[in-house]
Amino acid sequence: LLVIFFEGNLLPTLAHEEAELRSVGGLLLKKFKDQHPGLKIPNPLRGKGGGSASLPGGPPYFHPPPEVRHPTCVARSWNYSELPRASLVIPYLNETWQQVRATVAALIEYSCMDNVDEILFIDDGNQAEFQFHKELQAMHPKVQVHRNPKRQGLIRSKIIGVTLVKSPVIVFMEPHCIVSRHWLEPLLEQLAAGGPEHSTVVMPTLDIIPEDDFTAYKTAHHHIGGFDWSLTFNWKEVAEKRNSSYVYPDPYPTPALSGGIFGIWRDFWDRSGGYDDKMGEWGGEHIEMSLRTWRCGGRIEVVPCSRIGHVFRQKNPYVVHTQTVIANTKRAALVWLDGDYLEKYYSQQPGARYIEAGDVSQRVALKKRLQCESMDWYIENVYPELKKEKVRGHR
């Protein structure tokens, strides 16, 4: 089974100005067609034309995103019988129906639904006005809802979702995204190409839907993900700057996941320990997942042919306790920042010394059982840029 998580809160930089955005895909496609006159290319602009896509017989539910994929991505085809099947899992709390409905409509329109067994929403203790159970189930026979009677938080809701679906693939989405055409196929293909160990984790390129206008869409550069010594994520340099031999839009390695937007084979998820279920609410789990994946036999790749528009919000629509987020990152630091590196975390997050993070012995035992590499190895082989991150009190 494969798990794909969707999340993220920091904006990547824009690849194009707004005026260029609507035409860049068409210009690239025209150039590519001129260079390959004998190649039959499917129409990528289905549903475009200023209107909104809708389900059969229904009102418009979402504005189709502009075609911003590279022409080689547009021209690709897939053998669907060789792609793993999927269930989509979407935790939600205090979300608007407009954005939830648009998310589902885009998924139905642009996903290879013959490869999707189920779209499972995890109602994380919503009040009645934010539950939308009947409305969701009416959108498609494959849409189902599971309710947590009490809020469990984003991290545990995803863990619950993994236990509820039975497909060979699990896809974790967020309820404020607009997927692009053929977003799923490149992720599944890259995972299938990773070999029988299933140790590759993949994530799409995350484009930007402005928080104040869910109908707009802005493309983002192909950055790598990283973090500083406080274990706070940020987008770093673009792939070409890091590797001069890189050719866009090939998949490329990234040291860190931006959030919960990623794909993973379920046997690797289970084998590598999954999320730390002692982490609460939200935050820190993606950094822990990144360190564990790379250091315990896996790798993380961005797949630029898969593009998803995502609302990067300044503030969550639910309460997130800062102390819980710090406790989460402290748990990750206690397990994964061996040697003197733990002190670098405390220098950047001094309050963490006095926050109770709970017992991490099970996660330490997991690290030992998996025979994971050291933090020195990770810095030298995966994320050498971390050496340049400033540490408070050091020049």
Foldseek 3Di string as FASTA:
>chain_A
DKEFFDDFFADFDFPDDQVCQQCQQVVQQVVVCVVVVPADFDDQQVPDDPDADDDPPDDGQAAAGHRPFHNVLRRDDDDVVLFFAEEEEEEDELDDPSLLSQQVGLCVVAPPCVRYQAHEYEDQQYDPVPQCQVVQCVRDVRYHYDYDVHGFAPQVSVVVVVVPDDGQWYYYYYSRKRWGHPQPVLQRVVQSVPDDVQLEKEFEQEWEQEPVHSRDTTGHAQFAWDAALLLDIDTDHHPCVVPVPDDPPAKDFHQWDNAGGMMGGVVNCVLLPHFDSLQGHGALRRSLVSLSSVFLPHTYIYRHSRYMYGYNDPDDPDDDDPLSNSLNNLLSLVQAVPDCSSVLNCQVVVVSVVRDNDDNVVVNVSCVVSVTHHPVCCCVPPNVVNVVRDGPPDD
